[in-house]
C-alpha atoms as a PDB file:
ATOM      1  CA  MET A   1      89.964 135.159 127.651  1.00  0.00           C
ATOM      2  CA  THR A   2      90.328 131.370 127.519  1.00  0.00           C
ATOM      3  CA  THR A   3      88.336 129.490 124.908  1.00  0.00           C
ATOM      4  CA  ALA A   4      86.804 126.212 126.053  1.00  0.00           C
ATOM      5  CA  LYS A   5      88.372 123.138 124.484  1.00  0.00           C
ATOM      6  CA  ASP A   6      85.586 120.653 125.145  1.00  0.00           C
ATOM      7  CA  PHE A   7      81.868 121.057 124.541  1.00  0.00           C
ATOM      8  CA  LEU A   8      78.813 119.020 125.460  1.00  0.00           C
ATOM      9  CA  LEU A   9      76.271 118.463 122.694  1.00  0.00           C
ATOM     10  CA  SER A  10      72.928 116.686 122.956  1.00  0.00           C
ATOM     11  CA  ARG A  11      70.809 115.362 120.139  1.00  0.00           C
ATOM     12  CA  ILE A  12      67.501 117.010 119.298  1.00  0.00           C
ATOM     13  CA  GLY A  13      66.113 113.932 117.556  1.00  0.00           C
ATOM     14  CA  VAL A  14      66.883 111.084 115.169  1.00  0.00           C
ATOM     15  CA  ILE A  15      66.267 110.497 111.481  1.00  0.00           C
ATOM     16  CA  ASN A  16      64.580 107.438 110.012  1.00  0.00           C
ATOM     17  CA  THR A  17      65.735 106.616 106.476  1.00  0.00           C
ATOM     18  CA  PRO A  18      65.647 103.675 104.031  1.00  0.00           C
ATOM     19  CA  PHE A  19      69.253 102.826 104.924  1.00  0.00           C
ATOM     20  CA  ASP A  20      69.590 100.095 107.535  1.00  0.00           C
ATOM     21  CA  SER A  21      73.404 100.141 107.281  1.00  0.00           C
ATOM     22  CA  LYS A  22      76.191 102.298 105.856  1.00  0.00           C
ATOM     23  CA  PHE A  23      76.298 100.275 102.640  1.00  0.00           C
ATOM     24  CA  ALA A  24      74.471 102.016  99.764  1.00  0.00           C
ATOM     25  CA  VAL A  25      74.031 105.323 101.593  1.00  0.00           C
ATOM     26  CA  PRO A  26      74.591 108.014  98.914  1.00  0.00           C
ATOM     27  CA  ARG A  27      78.036 109.540  99.299  1.00  0.00           C
ATOM     28  CA  GLN A  28      76.553 113.034  99.311  1.00  0.00           C
ATOM     29  CA  ALA A  29      73.163 114.529 100.074  1.00  0.00           C
ATOM     30  CA  ARG A  30      70.708 115.054  97.199  1.00  0.00           C
ATOM     31  CA  LEU A  31      72.452 112.619  94.826  1.00  0.00           C
ATOM     32  CA  ALA A  32      69.381 110.404  95.204  1.00  0.00           C
ATOM     33  CA  ALA A  33      66.508 112.884  95.335  1.00  0.00           C
ATOM     34  CA  GLY A  34      63.997 110.083  95.874  1.00  0.00           C
ATOM     35  CA  ALA A  35      65.677 108.870  99.075  1.00  0.00           C
ATOM     36  CA  ARG A  36      63.290 110.067 101.768  1.00  0.00           C
ATOM     37  CA  GLY A  37      63.606 110.328 105.519  1.00  0.00           C
ATOM     38  CA  VAL A  38      61.790 111.593 108.591  1.00  0.00           C
ATOM     39  CA  ILE A  39      63.496 113.546 111.365  1.00  0.00           C
ATOM     40  CA  VAL A  40      61.633 112.787 114.591  1.00  0.00           C
ATOM     41  CA  LEU A  41      62.332 115.396 117.250  1.00  0.00           C
ATOM     42  CA  ASP A  42      62.773 114.269 120.837  1.00  0.00           C
ATOM     43  CA  ASP A  43      60.064 115.141 123.350  1.00  0.00           C
ATOM     44  CA  ASP A  44      62.070 118.083 124.711  1.00  0.00           C
ATOM     45  CA  TYR A  45      62.034 119.675 121.244  1.00  0.00           C
ATOM     46  CA  SER A  46      58.555 118.727 120.025  1.00  0.00           C
ATOM     47  CA  ASP A  47      56.960 121.973 121.160  1.00  0.00           C
ATOM     48  CA  PRO A  48      55.551 123.327 117.845  1.00  0.00           C
ATOM     49  CA  ASN A  49      57.290 126.640 118.509  1.00  0.00           C
ATOM     50  CA  PHE A  50      60.669 125.026 117.747  1.00  0.00           C
ATOM     51  CA  VAL A  51      59.667 124.667 114.082  1.00  0.00           C
ATOM     52  CA  LEU A  52      57.471 127.756 113.793  1.00  0.00           C
ATOM     53  CA  GLY A  53      58.225 129.269 110.369  1.00  0.00           C
ATOM     54  CA  LEU A  54      60.395 126.360 109.182  1.00  0.00           C
ATOM     55  CA  GLU A  55      58.053 125.581 106.295  1.00  0.00           C
ATOM     56  CA  GLY A  56      58.961 128.967 104.873  1.00  0.00           C
ATOM     57  CA  CYS A  57      62.072 127.367 103.353  1.00  0.00           C
ATOM     58  CA  THR A  58      62.472 124.622 100.765  1.00  0.00           C
ATOM     59  CA  HIS A  59      65.755 123.186 102.071  1.00  0.00           C
ATOM     60  CA  ILE A  60      67.424 122.816 105.458  1.00  0.00           C
ATOM     61  CA  TRP A  61      70.899 122.302 106.869  1.00  0.00           C
ATOM     62  CA  VAL A  62      70.992 119.243 109.110  1.00  0.00           C
ATOM     63  CA  SER A  63      73.863 118.747 111.575  1.00  0.00           C
ATOM     64  CA  PHE A  64      74.360 115.197 112.819  1.00  0.00           C
ATOM     65  CA  VAL A  65      76.739 112.670 114.357  1.00  0.00           C
ATOM     66  CA  PHE A  66      78.435 109.849 112.449  1.00  0.00           C
ATOM     67  CA  HIS A  67      77.359 107.556 115.268  1.00  0.00           C
ATOM     68  CA  LEU A  68      78.606 104.344 113.644  1.00  0.00           C
ATOM     69  CA  VAL A  69      82.144 105.719 113.357  1.00  0.00           C
ATOM     70  CA  GLY A  70      84.340 106.645 116.301  1.00  0.00           C
ATOM     71  CA  ALA A  71      86.480 109.765 116.428  1.00  0.00           C
ATOM     72  CA  SER A  72      89.768 109.488 114.542  1.00  0.00           C
ATOM     73  CA  ASP A  73      92.979 111.441 115.113  1.00  0.00           C
ATOM     74  CA  LYS A  74      94.580 110.333 111.839  1.00  0.00           C
ATOM     75  CA  PRO A  75      95.551 113.384 109.765  1.00  0.00           C
ATOM     76  CA  THR A  76      94.932 111.794 106.355  1.00  0.00           C
ATOM     77  CA  VAL A  77      92.252 109.653 104.731  1.00  0.00           C
ATOM     78  CA  ARG A  78      91.775 107.886 101.389  1.00  0.00           C
ATOM     79  CA  PRO A  79      88.644 109.285  99.710  1.00  0.00           C
ATOM     80  CA  PRO A  80      86.591 106.932  97.504  1.00  0.00           C
ATOM     81  CA  ARG A  81      86.470 109.681  94.882  1.00  0.00           C
ATOM     82  CA  LEU A  82      90.229 109.198  94.396  1.00  0.00           C
ATOM     83  CA  GLY A  83      89.861 105.439  94.098  1.00  0.00           C
ATOM     84  CA  GLY A  84      90.736 104.793  97.733  1.00  0.00           C
ATOM     85  CA  ASN A  85      94.449 104.773  96.904  1.00  0.00           C
ATOM     86  CA  GLU A  86      95.552 108.369  97.473  1.00  0.00           C
ATOM     87  CA  ARG A  87      95.841 110.020 100.875  1.00  0.00           C
ATOM     88  CA  VAL A  88      94.822 113.621 101.500  1.00  0.00           C
ATOM     89  CA  GLY A  89      94.258 115.701 104.618  1.00  0.00           C
ATOM     90  CA  VAL A  90      91.064 114.868 106.476  1.00  0.00           C
ATOM     91  CA  PHE A  91      90.061 118.534 106.567  1.00  0.00           C
ATOM     92  CA  ALA A  92      90.193 118.572 102.751  1.00  0.00           C
ATOM     93  CA  THR A  93      87.510 115.862 102.576  1.00  0.00           C
ATOM     94  CA  ARG A  94      84.050 114.949 103.812  1.00  0.00           C
ATOM     95  CA  SER A  95      85.249 111.645 105.228  1.00  0.00           C
ATOM     96  CA  THR A  96      83.323 110.216 108.174  1.00  0.00           C
ATOM     97  CA  HIS A  97      86.650 109.474 109.913  1.00  0.00           C
ATOM     98  CA  ARG A  98      87.321 112.784 111.654  1.00  0.00           C
ATOM     99  CA  PRO A  99      88.569 114.166 114.993  1.00  0.00           C
ATOM    100  CA  ASN A 100      84.948 115.090 115.716  1.00  0.00           C
ATOM    101  CA  PRO A 101      82.579 112.723 113.854  1.00  0.00           C
ATOM    102  CA  LEU A 102      80.137 115.437 112.800  1.00  0.00           C
ATOM    103  CA  GLY A 103      78.252 115.647 109.518  1.00  0.00           C
ATOM    104  CA  LEU A 104      76.367 118.371 107.689  1.00  0.00           C
ATOM    105  CA  SER A 105      73.857 117.871 104.867  1.00  0.00           C
ATOM    106  CA  VAL A 106      71.497 120.039 102.856  1.00  0.00           C
ATOM    107  CA  LEU A 107      68.159 118.233 102.547  1.00  0.00           C
ATOM    108  CA  LYS A 108      64.926 119.128 100.807  1.00  0.00           C
ATOM    109  CA  LEU A 109      62.157 119.954 103.263  1.00  0.00           C
ATOM    110  CA  ASP A 110      58.971 118.177 102.197  1.00  0.00           C
ATOM    111  CA  LYS A 111      56.677 118.862 105.137  1.00  0.00           C
ATOM    112  CA  VAL A 112      56.430 119.307 108.895  1.00  0.00           C
ATOM    113  CA  VAL A 113      53.955 117.186 110.839  1.00  0.00           C
ATOM    114  CA  LEU A 114      52.909 118.339 114.313  1.00  0.00           C
ATOM    115  CA  GLY A 115      51.188 116.377 117.051  1.00  0.00           C
ATOM    116  CA  GLY A 116      52.993 114.174 119.538  1.00  0.00           C
ATOM    117  CA  ARG A 117      56.633 114.144 118.493  1.00  0.00           C
ATOM    118  CA  THR A 118      57.269 116.587 115.661  1.00  0.00           C
ATOM    119  CA  GLU A 119      58.178 114.996 112.330  1.00  0.00           C
ATOM    120  CA  ILE A 120      60.216 116.790 109.675  1.00  0.00           C
ATOM    121  CA  HIS A 121      59.929 114.977 106.348  1.00  0.00           C
ATOM    122  CA  VAL A 122      62.934 115.396 104.056  1.00  0.00           C
ATOM    123  CA  SER A 123      64.330 113.981 100.819  1.00  0.00           C
ATOM    124  CA  GLY A 124      67.721 113.598  99.190  1.00  0.00           C
ATOM    125  CA  VAL A 125      68.975 111.974 102.397  1.00  0.00           C
ATOM    126  CA  ASP A 126      72.458 110.528 102.878  1.00  0.00           C
ATOM    127  CA  LEU A 127      72.163 109.322 106.481  1.00  0.00           C
ATOM    128  CA  VAL A 128      71.863 105.896 108.068  1.00  0.00           C
ATOM    129  CA  SER A 129      68.560 105.288 109.823  1.00  0.00           C
ATOM    130  CA  GLY A 130      68.849 106.145 113.509  1.00  0.00           C
ATOM    131  CA  THR A 131      71.448 108.883 113.025  1.00  0.00           C
ATOM    132  CA  PRO A 132      71.354 111.393 115.921  1.00  0.00           C
ATOM    133  CA  ILE A 133      70.455 114.917 114.796  1.00  0.00           C
ATOM    134  CA  LEU A 134      72.167 117.849 116.528  1.00  0.00           C
ATOM    135  CA  ASP A 135      70.658 120.889 114.842  1.00  0.00           C
ATOM    136  CA  ILE A 136      68.489 122.139 111.983  1.00  0.00           C
ATOM    137  CA  LYS A 137      68.851 125.467 110.203  1.00  0.00           C
ATOM    138  CA  PRO A 138      67.205 126.944 107.096  1.00  0.00           C
ATOM    139  CA  TYR A 139      69.168 126.917 103.855  1.00  0.00           C
ATOM    140  CA  VAL A 140      69.360 130.543 102.721  1.00  0.00           C
ATOM    141  CA  PRO A 141      70.129 130.663  98.975  1.00  0.00           C
ATOM    142  CA  TYR A 142      71.555 134.169  98.731  1.00  0.00           C
ATOM    143  CA  VAL A 143      74.317 133.397 101.240  1.00  0.00           C
ATOM    144  CA  ASP A 144      74.610 129.593 101.122  1.00  0.00           C
ATOM    145  CA  SER A 145      74.830 129.192  97.337  1.00  0.00           C
ATOM    146  CA  VAL A 146      78.220 130.186  95.906  1.00  0.00           C
ATOM    147  CA  ALA A 147      77.964 130.200  92.121  1.00  0.00           C
ATOM    148  CA  ASP A 148      81.706 130.341  91.418  1.00  0.00           C
ATOM    149  CA  ALA A 149      82.823 127.863  94.105  1.00  0.00           C
ATOM    150  CA  THR A 150      85.241 125.104  93.083  1.00  0.00           C
ATOM    151  CA  TYR A 151      86.561 121.862  94.578  1.00  0.00           C
ATOM    152  CA  LEU A 152      89.293 120.342  92.440  1.00  0.00           C
ATOM    153  CA  MET A 153      89.128 116.910  94.045  1.00  0.00           C
ATOM    154  CA  ALA A 154      85.537 116.483  92.840  1.00  0.00           C
ATOM    155  CA  ASP A 155      84.799 119.102  90.221  1.00  0.00           C
ATOM    156  CA  GLN A 156      82.024 117.080  88.549  1.00  0.00           C
ATOM    157  CA  PRO A 157      79.128 114.992  89.906  1.00  0.00           C
ATOM    158  CA  PRO A 158      79.877 111.266  90.088  1.00  0.00           C
ATOM    159  CA  ARG A 159      78.735 109.224  87.125  1.00  0.00           C
ATOM    160  CA  THR A 160      75.489 107.326  87.436  1.00  0.00           C
ATOM    161  CA  LEU A 161      74.815 103.869  86.078  1.00  0.00           C
ATOM    162  CA  LYS A 162      71.800 102.587  84.202  1.00  0.00           C
ATOM    163  CA  VAL A 163      69.562 100.444  86.422  1.00  0.00           C
ATOM    164  CA  VAL A 164      68.101  97.287  84.896  1.00  0.00           C
ATOM    165  CA  TRP A 165      65.596  94.924  86.511  1.00  0.00           C
ATOM    166  CA  THR A 166      65.444  91.254  85.640  1.00  0.00           C
ATOM    167  CA  ASP A 167      61.909  89.996  85.116  1.00  0.00           C
ATOM    168  CA  GLN A 168      62.239  87.915  88.270  1.00  0.00           C
ATOM    169  CA  ALA A 169      63.338  90.898  90.370  1.00  0.00           C
ATOM    170  CA  ARG A 170      60.555  93.119  89.066  1.00  0.00           C
ATOM    171  CA  ASN A 171      57.921  90.484  89.782  1.00  0.00           C
ATOM    172  CA  GLU A 172      59.310  89.909  93.275  1.00  0.00           C
ATOM    173  CA  PHE A 173      59.318  93.642  93.991  1.00  0.00           C
ATOM    174  CA  GLU A 174      55.728  94.046  92.800  1.00  0.00           C
ATOM    175  CA  LEU A 175      54.575  91.275  95.139  1.00  0.00           C
ATOM    176  CA  ILE A 176      56.423  92.715  98.133  1.00  0.00           C
ATOM    177  CA  SER A 177      55.525  96.340  97.413  1.00  0.00           C
ATOM    178  CA  ALA A 178      51.836  95.447  97.156  1.00  0.00           C
ATOM    179  CA  LYS A 179      51.968  94.037 100.687  1.00  0.00           C
ATOM    180  CA  LEU A 180      53.849  97.091 102.000  1.00  0.00           C
ATOM    181  CA  ASN A 181      51.846  99.628  99.966  1.00  0.00           C
ATOM    182  CA  LEU A 182      54.940 100.768  98.049  1.00  0.00           C
ATOM    183  CA  THR A 183      54.491 101.859  94.450  1.00  0.00           C
ATOM    184  CA  ASP A 184      57.527 103.970  93.550  1.00  0.00           C
ATOM    185  CA  MET A 185      60.843 102.400  92.531  1.00  0.00           C
ATOM    186  CA  THR A 186      62.470 105.757  91.760  1.00  0.00           C
ATOM    187  CA  GLY A 187      64.294 106.057  95.068  1.00  0.00           C
ATOM    188  CA  VAL A 188      65.686 102.521  94.847  1.00  0.00           C
ATOM    189  CA  GLU A 189      66.920 103.096  91.311  1.00  0.00           C
ATOM    190  CA  GLN A 190      68.525 106.440  92.175  1.00  0.00           C
ATOM    191  CA  ILE A 191      70.359 104.881  95.116  1.00  0.00           C
ATOM    192  CA  LEU A 192      71.709 101.921  93.149  1.00  0.00           C
ATOM    193  CA  ALA A 193      72.588 104.124  90.164  1.00  0.00           C
ATOM    194  CA  GLN A 194      75.258 105.729  92.369  1.00  0.00           C
ATOM    195  CA  ASP A 195      77.153 102.386  92.401  1.00  0.00           C
ATOM    196  CA  PRO A 196      77.285 101.780  96.165  1.00  0.00           C
ATOM    197  CA  ARG A 197      80.169  99.297  95.963  1.00  0.00           C
ATOM    198  CA  PRO A 198      83.547 100.120  97.527  1.00  0.00           C
ATOM    199  CA  SER A 199      85.672 101.869  94.919  1.00  0.00           C
ATOM    200  CA  TYR A 200      88.154  98.977  94.785  1.00  0.00           C
ATOM    201  CA  HIS A 201      85.506  96.377  93.839  1.00  0.00           C
ATOM    202  CA  ASN A 202      85.245  95.565  90.128  1.00  0.00           C
ATOM    203  CA  ASP A 203      84.051  91.947  89.994  1.00  0.00           C
ATOM    204  CA  GLU A 204      81.104  91.924  87.577  1.00  0.00           C
ATOM    205  CA  ALA A 205      80.091  88.412  88.661  1.00  0.00           C
ATOM    206  CA  ARG A 206      79.799  89.277  92.342  1.00  0.00           C
ATOM    207  CA  VAL A 207      76.269  89.561  93.706  1.00  0.00           C
ATOM    208  CA  TYR A 208      75.780  92.318  96.278  1.00  0.00           C
ATOM    209  CA  GLY A 209      72.943  92.712  98.719  1.00  0.00           C
ATOM    210  CA  VAL A 210      71.509  95.848 100.261  1.00  0.00           C
ATOM    211  CA  SER A 211      68.577  96.338 102.621  1.00  0.00           C
ATOM    212  CA  LEU A 212      66.409  99.367 101.878  1.00  0.00           C
ATOM    213  CA  GLU A 213      63.378  99.927 104.100  1.00  0.00           C
ATOM    214  CA  GLY A 214      63.504  96.301 105.146  1.00  0.00           C
ATOM    215  CA  ILE A 215      63.543  94.972 101.577  1.00  0.00           C
ATOM    216  CA  GLU A 216      66.629  93.071 100.427  1.00  0.00           C
ATOM    217  CA  PHE A 217      67.843  93.856  96.912  1.00  0.00           C
ATOM    218  CA  LYS A 218      70.385  91.588  95.197  1.00  0.00           C
ATOM    219  CA  PHE A 219      72.319  93.193  92.356  1.00  0.00           C
ATOM    220  CA  THR A 220      75.367  92.954  90.124  1.00  0.00           C
ATOM    221  CA  VAL A 221      77.361  95.790  88.570  1.00  0.00           C
ATOM    222  CA  SER A 222      78.918  95.907  85.115  1.00  0.00           C
ATOM    223  CA  GLU A 223      80.840  98.766  83.545  1.00  0.00           C
ATOM    224  CA  ASN A 224      77.770 100.850  82.745  1.00  0.00           C
ATOM    225  CA  ALA A 225      74.809  99.240  84.492  1.00  0.00           C
ATOM    226  CA  VAL A 226      73.436  97.922  87.756  1.00  0.00           C
ATOM    227  CA  THR A 227      71.270  94.841  87.315  1.00  0.00           C
ATOM    228  CA  ILE A 228      68.802  94.047  90.090  1.00  0.00           C
ATOM    229  CA  GLN A 229      68.772  90.259  90.210  1.00  0.00           C
ATOM    230  CA  GLY A 230      66.327  89.573  93.007  1.00  0.00           C
ATOM    231  CA  VAL A 231      64.185  91.093  95.747  1.00  0.00           C
ATOM    232  CA  ALA A 232      63.213  89.517  99.057  1.00  0.00           C
END
């Protein structure tokens, strides 16, 4: 029996998230629990029967395409977790640069909204807005959680930085959030606390900018803290 070498996959929907670009996307799912997103199923998959029973689980596996990165046939990559200086095999990492640019994340299921195109609200997202979704499956704790699993390359969660707002930045955010009906800064702080800079950047005077949900945040990073300098 010959096994097929090529397969045709079609998206079932897209996800809308706070992340307008790859910069500042958490490096793993659930590192920023307050980062929320909405999976909007395409018309062909918005029959309510497709999600019948889905709200019986708290978390879901989401399969997707790294659509901003083309397929790569390079056998090694340089993971940020190793400082971007050491090469390891691509299959030993979660790098986006892969022979098949496919991703897999466990996300918290917040709610399912029916009517028109089905919406699946999730949190702890690590996907760029507009990412094509290929499949959704329930996370089943008794088989998916492996208590004694290890991964030597990243055996501890990444460190998080303290997030500090200048008075100017806080005032600017309050003005903008009032217009947009935003009241919670938790998600923004969790995202920036992950230190979204490239691993080889260490200039404390450099001002970075990131767009989250259409709001531009300017920030600097010192050894132990992220300081939000301005919001526009």
